[in-house]
N, C-alpha and C. Protein backbone atom coordinates (compact mmCIF):
# COMPACT_ATOMS: atom_id res chain seq x y z
N MET A 1 57.09 6.70 -82.07
CA MET A 1 56.72 6.36 -82.74
C MET A 1 55.09 6.88 -82.17
N GLN A 2 54.71 6.70 -81.07
CA GLN A 2 53.24 7.20 -80.14
C GLN A 2 53.97 8.15 -79.40
N GLY A 3 54.79 8.87 -79.17
CA GLY A 3 55.03 9.25 -77.97
C GLY A 3 54.60 10.73 -78.06
N GLU A 4 54.24 11.15 -79.37
CA GLU A 4 53.29 12.79 -79.54
C GLU A 4 52.24 12.72 -78.80
N PRO A 5 51.72 13.74 -77.67
CA PRO A 5 50.79 14.21 -77.00
C PRO A 5 49.50 13.70 -77.92
N GLU A 6 49.57 14.38 -79.29
CA GLU A 6 48.16 14.48 -80.05
C GLU A 6 48.02 12.98 -80.56
N VAL A 7 48.84 12.10 -80.75
CA VAL A 7 49.03 10.64 -81.03
C VAL A 7 47.93 10.43 -80.35
N ALA A 8 48.06 10.08 -78.78
CA ALA A 8 47.28 10.01 -77.75
C ALA A 8 46.18 10.23 -77.91
N VAL A 9 45.66 11.38 -78.26
CA VAL A 9 44.34 11.72 -78.28
C VAL A 9 43.60 11.14 -79.42
N LEU A 10 44.48 11.00 -80.71
CA LEU A 10 44.13 10.88 -81.69
C LEU A 10 43.45 9.21 -81.91
N LEU A 11 44.11 8.29 -81.13
CA LEU A 11 44.12 6.84 -80.54
C LEU A 11 43.12 6.72 -79.79
N THR A 12 42.98 7.81 -79.06
CA THR A 12 41.77 7.52 -77.75
C THR A 12 40.46 7.72 -78.31
N ALA A 13 40.84 8.75 -79.75
CA ALA A 13 39.19 8.97 -80.08
C ALA A 13 38.83 8.04 -81.02
N ARG A 14 40.26 7.31 -81.70
CA ARG A 14 39.77 6.35 -82.81
C ARG A 14 39.58 4.88 -81.87
N ALA A 15 39.84 4.58 -80.92
CA ALA A 15 39.24 3.60 -80.07
C ALA A 15 38.00 3.64 -79.43
N LEU A 16 37.49 4.89 -79.28
CA LEU A 16 36.67 5.15 -78.17
C LEU A 16 35.40 5.49 -79.17
N GLY A 17 35.45 5.55 -80.55
CA GLY A 17 34.03 5.92 -81.33
C GLY A 17 34.07 6.74 -82.20
N ALA A 18 35.17 7.58 -82.06
CA ALA A 18 35.49 8.62 -83.07
C ALA A 18 35.49 8.02 -84.37
N ASP A 19 35.03 9.05 -85.73
CA ASP A 19 35.39 8.51 -86.75
C ASP A 19 35.71 9.47 -87.77
N ARG A 20 36.64 10.47 -87.31
CA ARG A 20 37.37 11.05 -87.79
C ARG A 20 37.99 12.27 -87.02
N ALA A 21 39.24 12.72 -87.00
CA ALA A 21 39.80 13.64 -86.17
C ALA A 21 40.41 14.72 -87.15
N ILE A 22 40.27 16.07 -86.58
CA ILE A 22 41.09 17.36 -87.53
C ILE A 22 41.62 17.65 -86.28
N LEU A 23 43.11 17.91 -87.08
CA LEU A 23 44.29 18.16 -86.29
C LEU A 23 44.94 19.21 -86.58
N ALA A 24 45.23 20.15 -85.73
CA ALA A 24 45.82 21.56 -86.00
C ALA A 24 46.88 21.50 -86.22
N GLY A 25 47.50 22.56 -87.06
CA GLY A 25 49.33 22.53 -87.38
C GLY A 25 49.74 21.92 -88.13
N ASP A 26 51.18 21.51 -88.44
CA ASP A 26 52.02 20.80 -88.85
C ASP A 26 51.77 19.12 -88.06
N ALA A 27 50.95 18.72 -88.30
CA ALA A 27 50.99 17.53 -87.36
C ALA A 27 51.39 15.96 -88.52
N GLY A 28 51.74 16.05 -89.78
CA GLY A 28 52.03 14.99 -90.45
C GLY A 28 52.12 14.01 -90.06
N LYS A 29 53.39 14.30 -89.30
CA LYS A 29 54.07 12.53 -88.50
C LYS A 29 52.81 11.93 -87.68
N SER A 30 52.39 13.00 -86.95
CA SER A 30 51.42 12.08 -86.33
C SER A 30 50.27 11.48 -87.18
N LYS A 31 49.47 12.41 -88.06
CA LYS A 31 48.90 11.96 -88.73
C LYS A 31 49.11 10.33 -89.40
N GLY A 32 50.39 10.14 -90.00
CA GLY A 32 50.69 9.02 -90.32
C GLY A 32 50.81 7.91 -89.38
N THR A 33 51.35 8.20 -88.19
CA THR A 33 51.20 7.00 -87.55
C THR A 33 49.90 6.54 -86.99
N VAL A 34 48.98 7.48 -87.06
CA VAL A 34 47.61 7.11 -86.73
C VAL A 34 46.89 6.30 -88.07
N GLU A 35 47.32 6.93 -89.23
CA GLU A 35 46.56 6.40 -90.46
C GLU A 35 47.21 4.66 -90.50
N ASP A 36 48.38 4.96 -89.79
CA ASP A 36 49.28 3.28 -89.95
C ASP A 36 48.67 2.25 -89.25
N ILE A 37 48.16 2.81 -88.11
CA ILE A 37 47.34 2.13 -87.01
C ILE A 37 46.15 1.58 -87.25
N THR A 38 45.53 2.50 -88.01
CA THR A 38 44.20 2.36 -88.52
C THR A 38 43.85 1.35 -89.69
N ASP A 39 45.25 1.24 -90.72
CA ASP A 39 45.37 0.71 -91.67
C ASP A 39 45.56 -1.06 -90.77
N ARG A 40 46.12 -1.15 -90.01
CA ARG A 40 46.87 -2.04 -89.76
C ARG A 40 45.77 -2.78 -88.68
N PHE A 41 44.67 -2.01 -87.81
CA PHE A 41 43.70 -2.75 -86.77
C PHE A 41 42.36 -2.44 -87.36
N GLY A 42 42.26 -1.39 -88.10
CA GLY A 42 40.88 -1.50 -88.92
C GLY A 42 40.57 0.20 -88.38
N GLY A 43 39.09 0.26 -89.37
CA GLY A 43 38.43 1.71 -89.16
C GLY A 43 37.08 1.58 -88.67
N PRO A 44 36.43 2.47 -89.11
CA PRO A 44 36.55 3.94 -90.00
C PRO A 44 37.38 4.68 -89.08
N PHE A 45 38.31 5.28 -89.45
CA PHE A 45 38.85 6.86 -88.70
C PHE A 45 39.82 7.25 -89.81
N ALA A 46 39.20 8.60 -89.89
CA ALA A 46 40.39 9.47 -90.65
C ALA A 46 40.79 10.60 -89.95
N VAL A 47 41.89 11.10 -90.60
CA VAL A 47 42.89 12.08 -90.05
C VAL A 47 43.06 13.23 -91.02
N GLU A 48 42.49 14.39 -90.45
CA GLU A 48 42.50 15.63 -91.32
C GLU A 48 43.31 16.77 -90.83
N LEU A 49 44.27 17.37 -91.24
CA LEU A 49 45.00 18.44 -91.07
C LEU A 49 44.34 19.89 -91.17
N THR A 50 44.49 20.79 -90.35
CA THR A 50 43.81 22.11 -90.96
C THR A 50 44.63 23.27 -89.90
N ASP A 51 45.29 24.46 -90.80
CA ASP A 51 46.00 25.64 -90.75
C ASP A 51 45.11 26.16 -89.92
N SER A 52 43.69 26.15 -89.83
CA SER A 52 43.10 27.03 -89.41
C SER A 52 41.80 26.34 -88.27
N PRO A 53 41.92 25.50 -87.14
CA PRO A 53 40.84 25.05 -86.54
C PRO A 53 40.07 25.81 -85.99
N ARG A 54 40.25 27.22 -85.94
CA ARG A 54 38.96 28.20 -85.27
C ARG A 54 37.77 28.28 -86.31
N SER A 55 38.11 28.17 -87.84
CA SER A 55 37.25 28.25 -88.74
C SER A 55 37.01 27.01 -88.72
N VAL A 56 37.50 25.98 -88.42
CA VAL A 56 36.71 24.61 -88.73
C VAL A 56 35.47 24.51 -87.47
N ILE A 57 36.01 25.37 -86.34
CA ILE A 57 35.25 25.07 -85.44
C ILE A 57 33.57 26.26 -85.64
N ARG A 58 33.96 27.53 -86.03
CA ARG A 58 33.04 28.05 -86.34
C ARG A 58 32.14 27.70 -87.62
N ASP A 59 32.97 27.02 -88.48
CA ASP A 59 31.56 26.84 -89.64
C ASP A 59 31.35 25.00 -89.54
N TRP A 60 31.29 24.76 -88.50
CA TRP A 60 31.11 23.51 -88.20
C TRP A 60 29.51 23.35 -88.33
N ASP A 61 29.10 22.26 -89.04
CA ASP A 61 27.32 21.97 -89.45
C ASP A 61 27.24 20.77 -88.77
N GLY A 62 26.99 21.16 -87.55
CA GLY A 62 26.91 20.53 -86.23
C GLY A 62 26.28 20.87 -85.14
N ARG A 63 27.04 20.25 -83.85
CA ARG A 63 27.42 20.84 -82.63
C ARG A 63 28.54 20.94 -82.30
N VAL A 64 29.08 21.50 -81.28
CA VAL A 64 30.44 21.72 -80.94
C VAL A 64 30.46 21.42 -79.36
N VAL A 65 31.16 20.48 -79.02
CA VAL A 65 31.43 20.25 -77.46
C VAL A 65 33.04 20.72 -77.73
N HIS A 66 33.30 21.36 -76.10
CA HIS A 66 34.54 21.82 -75.92
C HIS A 66 34.82 21.21 -74.50
N LEU A 67 36.07 20.67 -74.71
CA LEU A 67 36.35 20.01 -73.17
C LEU A 67 37.54 20.51 -72.45
N THR A 68 36.96 21.17 -71.40
CA THR A 68 37.61 22.14 -70.59
C THR A 68 37.12 21.58 -69.06
N MET A 69 38.35 21.96 -68.44
CA MET A 69 37.70 21.89 -66.52
C MET A 69 37.21 22.60 -66.36
N TYR A 70 36.74 23.87 -66.83
CA TYR A 70 35.86 25.09 -66.63
C TYR A 70 34.39 25.00 -66.61
N GLY A 71 34.15 23.86 -67.89
CA GLY A 71 32.65 23.84 -68.44
C GLY A 71 31.82 23.21 -67.48
N GLU A 72 30.88 23.00 -67.95
CA GLU A 72 29.46 22.37 -67.03
C GLU A 72 29.65 20.78 -67.13
N ARG A 73 29.44 20.25 -65.78
CA ARG A 73 29.74 19.34 -65.25
C ARG A 73 29.10 18.54 -66.51
N ILE A 74 29.98 16.87 -67.06
CA ILE A 74 29.82 16.05 -67.96
C ILE A 74 28.36 15.55 -67.58
N GLN A 75 27.94 15.36 -66.01
CA GLN A 75 27.11 14.41 -65.53
C GLN A 75 25.34 15.48 -66.03
N ASP A 76 26.04 16.71 -66.07
CA ASP A 76 24.67 17.51 -66.22
C ASP A 76 24.54 17.95 -67.32
N VAL A 77 25.15 17.46 -68.87
CA VAL A 77 24.87 17.99 -70.11
C VAL A 77 24.83 16.52 -70.94
N GLU A 78 25.28 15.73 -70.54
CA GLU A 78 25.74 14.53 -71.42
C GLU A 78 24.04 13.67 -71.80
N ALA A 79 23.22 14.08 -71.22
CA ALA A 79 21.90 13.91 -71.84
C ALA A 79 21.80 14.54 -73.17
N ASP A 80 21.72 15.95 -72.80
CA ASP A 80 21.24 16.77 -74.12
C ASP A 80 22.37 16.47 -75.47
N VAL A 81 23.88 16.26 -74.88
CA VAL A 81 24.54 16.12 -76.25
C VAL A 81 24.00 14.95 -76.76
N ARG A 82 23.99 13.61 -75.86
CA ARG A 82 23.48 12.24 -76.38
C ARG A 82 22.32 12.27 -77.35
N THR A 83 21.54 13.32 -76.73
CA THR A 83 20.13 13.47 -77.72
C THR A 83 20.24 14.49 -78.99
N ALA A 84 21.35 15.25 -79.22
CA ALA A 84 21.64 16.13 -80.15
C ALA A 84 22.31 15.02 -81.29
N HIS A 85 23.35 14.10 -80.73
CA HIS A 85 23.93 13.15 -81.58
C HIS A 85 22.93 12.26 -82.11
N GLY A 86 22.18 11.96 -81.56
CA GLY A 86 20.80 11.08 -81.50
C GLY A 86 19.97 11.15 -82.44
N ASP A 87 19.89 12.66 -82.53
CA ASP A 87 19.19 13.62 -83.73
C ASP A 87 19.49 13.68 -85.13
N GLY A 88 20.92 13.28 -85.06
CA GLY A 88 21.78 13.16 -86.41
C GLY A 88 22.39 14.61 -86.42
N HIS A 89 22.66 15.44 -85.49
CA HIS A 89 23.83 16.59 -85.48
C HIS A 89 24.97 15.92 -85.34
N PRO A 90 26.11 15.98 -86.30
CA PRO A 90 27.22 15.53 -86.40
C PRO A 90 27.78 16.49 -84.76
N ILE A 91 28.84 15.73 -84.80
CA ILE A 91 29.11 16.51 -83.13
C ILE A 91 31.02 16.47 -83.03
N LEU A 92 31.64 18.25 -82.62
CA LEU A 92 33.04 18.28 -83.08
C LEU A 92 33.08 18.32 -81.85
N VAL A 93 33.91 17.34 -81.37
CA VAL A 93 34.65 17.56 -79.84
C VAL A 93 36.09 18.26 -79.98
N VAL A 94 35.95 19.25 -79.44
CA VAL A 94 37.23 20.23 -79.31
C VAL A 94 38.02 19.86 -78.39
N VAL A 95 39.32 19.24 -78.28
CA VAL A 95 40.37 19.21 -77.08
C VAL A 95 40.89 20.06 -77.13
N GLY A 96 41.52 20.87 -76.31
CA GLY A 96 42.48 21.93 -76.22
C GLY A 96 43.58 21.81 -75.31
N SER A 97 44.42 22.78 -74.88
CA SER A 97 45.10 22.67 -73.81
C SER A 97 45.05 23.33 -73.23
N GLN A 98 46.01 24.06 -72.47
CA GLN A 98 45.94 25.40 -71.57
C GLN A 98 45.76 26.54 -72.27
N LYS A 99 45.85 26.98 -73.56
CA LYS A 99 45.36 28.01 -74.28
C LYS A 99 44.61 28.22 -74.94
N VAL A 100 43.41 27.70 -74.95
CA VAL A 100 42.26 27.55 -75.75
C VAL A 100 41.73 29.39 -75.89
N PRO A 101 42.15 30.09 -77.30
CA PRO A 101 40.96 31.08 -77.30
C PRO A 101 39.46 31.50 -76.90
N PHE A 102 39.15 32.40 -76.13
CA PHE A 102 38.12 32.56 -75.80
C PHE A 102 36.75 32.49 -76.22
N ASP A 103 37.09 32.37 -77.87
CA ASP A 103 36.02 32.37 -78.82
C ASP A 103 35.68 31.14 -79.19
N VAL A 104 36.23 30.01 -78.60
CA VAL A 104 36.20 28.98 -78.77
C VAL A 104 35.29 28.47 -77.69
N TYR A 105 35.23 29.13 -76.34
CA TYR A 105 34.36 28.96 -75.39
C TYR A 105 32.96 29.45 -75.79
N GLU A 106 32.96 30.56 -76.67
CA GLU A 106 31.64 31.05 -76.85
C GLU A 106 31.10 30.66 -78.26
N THR A 107 31.62 30.01 -78.86
CA THR A 107 31.36 29.30 -80.13
C THR A 107 30.80 27.94 -79.82
N ALA A 108 31.11 27.34 -78.67
CA ALA A 108 30.97 26.00 -78.11
C ALA A 108 29.17 25.94 -77.89
N ASP A 109 28.51 24.60 -78.68
CA ASP A 109 27.10 24.48 -77.89
C ASP A 109 27.23 24.09 -76.65
N TRP A 110 28.47 23.66 -75.71
CA TRP A 110 28.51 22.97 -74.66
C TRP A 110 30.15 23.02 -74.53
N ASN A 111 30.43 23.90 -73.13
CA ASN A 111 31.75 23.58 -72.52
C ASN A 111 31.66 22.61 -71.53
N VAL A 112 32.34 21.78 -71.64
CA VAL A 112 32.24 20.24 -70.70
C VAL A 112 33.10 20.14 -70.11
N GLY A 113 33.38 20.03 -68.55
CA GLY A 113 34.33 19.37 -67.93
C GLY A 113 33.70 18.25 -67.03
N VAL A 114 35.14 17.48 -67.17
CA VAL A 114 34.96 16.21 -66.86
C VAL A 114 35.74 16.32 -65.29
N THR A 115 34.88 16.21 -64.41
CA THR A 115 35.40 16.39 -62.89
C THR A 115 35.70 17.83 -62.87
N ASN A 116 35.72 19.37 -63.31
CA ASN A 116 36.54 20.31 -63.08
C ASN A 116 37.75 20.38 -62.09
N GLN A 117 38.26 19.30 -62.69
CA GLN A 117 39.99 19.33 -61.98
C GLN A 117 41.01 19.30 -63.41
N PRO A 118 42.13 19.66 -62.92
CA PRO A 118 43.19 19.53 -64.24
C PRO A 118 43.40 17.91 -64.14
N HIS A 119 43.83 17.48 -65.45
CA HIS A 119 43.88 15.84 -65.82
C HIS A 119 44.39 16.23 -67.28
N SER A 120 44.78 15.11 -67.97
CA SER A 120 44.82 15.11 -69.22
C SER A 120 43.68 15.40 -70.05
N GLU A 121 43.83 15.96 -71.58
CA GLU A 121 42.86 15.63 -72.40
C GLU A 121 42.52 14.30 -73.26
N VAL A 122 43.43 13.32 -73.23
CA VAL A 122 43.18 12.07 -72.92
C VAL A 122 42.33 11.27 -71.98
N ALA A 123 42.22 11.82 -70.81
CA ALA A 123 41.24 11.15 -70.18
C ALA A 123 40.44 11.95 -70.06
N GLY A 124 40.06 12.82 -70.39
CA GLY A 124 38.85 13.97 -70.60
C GLY A 124 37.65 13.37 -71.82
N LEU A 125 38.64 13.47 -73.13
CA LEU A 125 38.03 12.80 -74.45
C LEU A 125 37.65 11.32 -73.99
N ALA A 126 38.74 10.68 -73.21
CA ALA A 126 37.98 9.41 -72.98
C ALA A 126 36.85 9.03 -72.34
N VAL A 127 36.57 9.58 -71.11
CA VAL A 127 35.44 9.71 -70.48
C VAL A 127 34.32 10.38 -71.26
N PHE A 128 34.31 11.42 -71.95
CA PHE A 128 33.30 11.99 -72.70
C PHE A 128 32.96 11.09 -74.07
N LEU A 129 34.04 10.40 -74.56
CA LEU A 129 33.07 9.12 -75.66
C LEU A 129 32.63 8.41 -74.93
N ASP A 130 32.79 8.07 -73.83
CA ASP A 130 32.56 6.68 -73.05
C ASP A 130 30.96 7.00 -72.41
N ARG A 131 31.09 8.18 -71.83
CA ARG A 131 29.21 8.69 -71.73
C ARG A 131 28.40 9.02 -72.97
N LEU A 132 28.91 9.42 -73.98
CA LEU A 132 28.36 9.90 -75.54
C LEU A 132 27.69 8.49 -75.96
N PHE A 133 28.87 7.35 -75.85
CA PHE A 133 28.29 6.22 -76.54
C PHE A 133 27.82 5.20 -75.55
N GLU A 134 27.77 5.60 -74.15
CA GLU A 134 26.97 4.69 -73.28
C GLU A 134 28.15 3.20 -73.13
N GLY A 135 29.25 3.11 -73.55
CA GLY A 135 29.94 1.68 -73.59
C GLY A 135 29.86 1.04 -74.51
N ARG A 136 28.85 1.50 -75.92
CA ARG A 136 28.71 0.59 -76.92
C ARG A 136 29.99 0.81 -77.69
N GLU A 137 30.52 1.68 -77.85
CA GLU A 137 31.85 1.89 -78.70
C GLU A 137 32.87 0.54 -78.19
N LEU A 138 32.87 0.10 -77.10
CA LEU A 138 33.86 -1.20 -76.40
C LEU A 138 33.60 -2.42 -77.21
N ASP A 139 32.27 -2.64 -77.72
CA ASP A 139 31.93 -3.45 -78.73
C ASP A 139 32.08 -3.21 -80.01
N ARG A 140 32.63 -2.20 -80.57
CA ARG A 140 32.67 -1.67 -81.84
C ARG A 140 33.23 -2.88 -82.85
N ARG A 141 33.00 -3.03 -84.10
CA ARG A 141 33.66 -4.17 -84.92
C ARG A 141 34.40 -3.19 -85.94
N TRP A 142 35.63 -3.12 -85.93
CA TRP A 142 36.73 -3.01 -86.63
C TRP A 142 36.69 -3.39 -88.22
N GLU A 143 36.51 -2.24 -89.11
CA GLU A 143 36.34 -2.39 -90.72
C GLU A 143 37.81 -2.89 -91.11
N ASP A 144 37.93 -3.62 -92.04
CA ASP A 144 39.31 -3.32 -92.95
C ASP A 144 40.15 -3.86 -92.34
N ALA A 145 40.13 -4.35 -90.78
CA ALA A 145 41.31 -4.77 -90.38
C ALA A 145 42.41 -5.85 -90.90
N ASP A 146 43.90 -5.30 -90.61
CA ASP A 146 44.66 -6.46 -91.25
C ASP A 146 45.23 -7.29 -90.20
N GLN A 147 45.17 -6.60 -88.59
CA GLN A 147 45.39 -7.37 -87.95
C GLN A 147 44.51 -7.33 -86.55
N THR A 148 44.31 -8.66 -85.90
CA THR A 148 43.25 -8.49 -84.32
C THR A 148 44.23 -9.00 -83.46
N VAL A 149 43.73 -8.12 -82.20
CA VAL A 149 44.07 -8.70 -81.03
C VAL A 149 43.11 -9.38 -80.60
N ILE A 150 43.87 -10.67 -79.82
CA ILE A 150 42.49 -11.61 -79.28
C ILE A 150 42.69 -11.31 -77.70
N PRO A 151 41.86 -11.21 -76.98
CA PRO A 151 41.87 -10.77 -75.66
C PRO A 151 41.90 -12.17 -75.02
N GLU A 152 42.94 -11.96 -73.90
CA GLU A 152 43.31 -13.55 -73.20
C GLU A 152 43.73 -12.87 -71.73
N GLU A 153 43.76 -13.34 -70.82
CA GLU A 153 43.82 -13.26 -69.21
C GLU A 153 45.33 -12.73 -69.29
N THR A 154 46.17 -13.71 -69.94
CA THR A 154 47.89 -13.08 -70.17
C THR A 154 48.28 -13.84 -71.13
N GLY A 155 49.72 -12.99 -71.77
CA GLY A 155 49.93 -12.72 -73.05
C GLY A 155 49.66 -11.95 -73.78
N LYS A 156 49.94 -12.16 -74.90
CA LYS A 156 50.01 -10.85 -76.15
C LYS A 156 49.41 -11.84 -77.38
N THR A 157 48.20 -11.90 -77.70
CA THR A 157 48.18 -12.37 -79.00
C THR A 157 47.48 -11.53 -80.42
N VAL A 158 48.12 -11.25 -81.41
CA VAL A 158 47.66 -10.70 -82.50
C VAL A 158 47.91 -11.60 -83.65
N VAL A 159 46.28 -11.73 -84.21
CA VAL A 159 46.49 -12.50 -85.33
C VAL A 159 46.03 -11.69 -86.66
N PRO A 160 46.58 -12.72 -87.83
CA PRO A 160 45.78 -11.80 -89.08
C PRO A 160 44.41 -12.01 -89.17
N ALA A 161 43.35 -11.05 -89.27
CA ALA A 161 42.03 -10.07 -89.03
C ALA A 161 41.28 -12.13 -90.00
N ASP A 162 41.62 -12.15 -90.66
CA ASP A 162 41.08 -13.27 -90.94
C ASP A 162 41.35 -14.49 -90.62
N ASP A 163 42.38 -14.32 -89.53
CA ASP A 163 42.58 -15.93 -88.38
C ASP A 163 41.21 -15.68 -87.26
N GLU A 164 40.76 -14.71 -87.37
CA GLU A 164 40.27 -14.57 -85.68
C GLU A 164 39.33 -15.51 -85.33
N SER A 165 39.70 -15.90 -84.10
CA SER A 165 39.07 -16.88 -83.21
C SER A 165 38.05 -16.49 -82.29
């Protein structure tokens, strides 16, 4: 169910503060998986599909951050990105893989590297979102959740959201 790499990226985005994701290609199954989790555990988080990701990037009405190991160090640009976000500019975070077209690098307002070393897209996205939101995403309240996880030292407790203790 959650074995597709794009599902891991989407769930990370959702859990760490993004309010939506745009997924390239024919990924209806992944979209459905994430929508099911959002329905159960709350949102807001929306998933959209596109056949033209480059058009989405080119036409974005806001700022574009491209996560790549070749980019500027996150610690050198995070304040500028955070300021743009705080000034009301929507931020599109582009998470690619090995074969990102060069025009994405040219279109992005920031090409951002998390360690400038090879690692997973999920790791880069998680670090970026945590830096963007300065940890506030960890205290997020989930709207319209059917279920809530009760934090505990041991065990796994999930209760109906209206029974949250």
